[in-house]
């Protein structure tokens, strides 16, 4: 299953993940470890870090970017904070670009 499909599945099944990249990434990795037949409750943090360093787990940025793309394309998968984030970012960019400033 591709990253996009996994992200869609997680955001659909667990709506609390829609507003938290950290929770989404951890849940994604939890399922990834299970798929590799590794008990997430028994793996040490050192073993986990080794796996991540060796790129044996999906990169955080790949998961985050896919979440962003999926939510952009699928309104029903957007969390409660989505609109607030978009408005704030857009206002910030507009201000930085000088839009909305009245010049006399």
Protein backbone atom coordinates (compact mmCIF):
# COMPACT_ATOMS: atom_id res chain seq x y z
CA UNK A 1 0.00 0.00 0.00
CA UNK A 2 1.33 3.44 -0.93
CA UNK A 3 1.93 6.22 1.59
CA UNK A 4 -1.05 8.15 0.23
CA UNK A 5 -3.40 5.20 0.73
CA UNK A 6 -2.13 4.61 4.27
CA UNK A 7 -2.54 8.28 5.19
CA UNK A 8 -6.08 8.36 3.78
CA UNK A 9 -6.94 5.22 5.72
CA UNK A 10 -5.56 6.61 8.99
CA UNK A 11 -7.24 10.01 8.61
CA UNK A 12 -10.54 8.30 7.81
CA UNK A 13 -10.45 5.79 10.66
CA UNK A 14 -8.93 8.07 13.30
CA UNK A 15 -10.26 11.61 12.96
CA UNK A 16 -8.14 12.81 15.92
CA UNK A 17 -5.09 12.40 13.66
CA UNK A 18 -6.35 15.04 11.21
CA UNK A 19 -5.02 17.94 13.31
CA UNK A 20 -1.77 16.43 14.59
CA UNK A 21 1.17 15.48 12.40
CA UNK A 22 2.98 14.02 15.41
CA UNK A 23 0.09 11.68 16.24
CA UNK A 24 -0.33 10.75 12.58
CA UNK A 25 3.37 9.97 12.15
CA UNK A 26 3.52 7.89 15.33
CA UNK A 27 0.41 5.93 14.35
CA UNK A 28 1.82 5.44 10.85
CA UNK A 29 5.09 4.09 12.30
CA UNK A 30 3.24 1.91 14.82
CA UNK A 31 1.38 0.22 11.95
CA UNK A 32 4.56 0.03 9.91
CA UNK A 33 6.35 -1.82 12.72
CA UNK A 34 3.45 -4.25 13.08
CA UNK A 35 3.57 -4.93 9.34
CA UNK A 36 7.29 -5.76 9.73
CA UNK A 37 6.25 -8.16 12.52
CA UNK A 38 7.96 -6.03 15.18
CA UNK A 39 6.07 -5.49 18.43
CA UNK A 40 6.11 -1.71 18.99
CA UNK A 41 5.77 -2.31 22.74
CA UNK A 42 8.95 -4.37 22.87
CA UNK A 43 11.33 -2.46 20.60
CA UNK A 44 13.85 -0.24 22.38
CA UNK A 45 14.19 3.42 21.50
CA UNK A 46 17.75 2.70 20.34
CA UNK A 47 16.53 -0.02 17.95
CA UNK A 48 13.83 2.34 16.69
CA UNK A 49 16.38 5.12 16.08
CA UNK A 50 18.63 2.69 14.22
CA UNK A 51 15.75 1.68 11.98
CA UNK A 52 14.90 5.30 11.28
CA UNK A 53 18.55 6.23 10.62
CA UNK A 54 18.80 3.35 8.13
CA UNK A 55 15.64 4.58 6.37
CA UNK A 56 13.76 1.44 7.31
CA UNK A 57 10.79 3.57 8.39
CA UNK A 58 8.92 6.10 6.29
CA UNK A 59 10.39 9.59 6.53
CA UNK A 60 8.41 12.07 8.62
CA UNK A 61 8.38 14.66 5.83
CA UNK A 62 6.92 12.15 3.38
CA UNK A 63 4.05 11.43 5.77
CA UNK A 64 3.50 15.13 6.58
CA UNK A 65 3.54 16.21 2.94
CA UNK A 66 1.16 13.43 1.97
CA UNK A 67 -1.22 14.44 4.79
CA UNK A 68 -1.10 18.01 3.51
CA UNK A 69 -1.84 16.94 -0.08
CA UNK A 70 -4.59 14.51 0.94
CA UNK A 71 -6.34 17.15 3.06
CA UNK A 72 -6.05 19.70 0.27
CA UNK A 73 -7.76 17.29 -2.13
CA UNK A 74 -10.30 15.80 0.32
CA UNK A 75 -12.27 18.30 2.40
CA UNK A 76 -13.85 15.56 4.52
CA UNK A 77 -10.38 14.56 5.82
CA UNK A 78 -9.52 18.05 7.07
CA UNK A 79 -9.38 18.55 10.80
CA UNK A 80 -11.01 21.29 12.85
CA UNK A 81 -7.84 23.39 12.77
CA UNK A 82 -7.35 23.22 8.97
CA UNK A 83 -9.24 26.40 8.05
CA UNK A 84 -7.59 28.40 10.84
CA UNK A 85 -4.13 27.32 9.70
CA UNK A 86 -4.88 28.20 6.08
CA UNK A 87 -6.29 31.63 6.92
CA UNK A 88 -3.38 32.47 9.22
CA UNK A 89 -0.75 31.36 6.68
CA UNK A 90 -2.46 33.17 3.82
CA UNK A 91 -2.71 36.38 5.83
CA UNK A 92 0.96 36.08 6.79
CA UNK A 93 2.04 35.57 3.16
CA UNK A 94 -0.11 38.46 1.96
CA UNK A 95 1.42 40.74 4.58
CA UNK A 96 4.95 39.66 3.62
CA UNK A 97 4.20 40.30 -0.05
CA UNK A 98 2.73 43.70 0.72
CA UNK A 99 -0.86 42.96 -0.29
CA UNK A 100 -3.54 44.85 1.56
CA UNK A 101 -1.30 47.76 2.46
CA UNK A 102 -2.84 51.08 1.66
CA UNK A 103 -0.43 53.46 0.05
CA UNK A 104 -1.38 57.08 -0.04
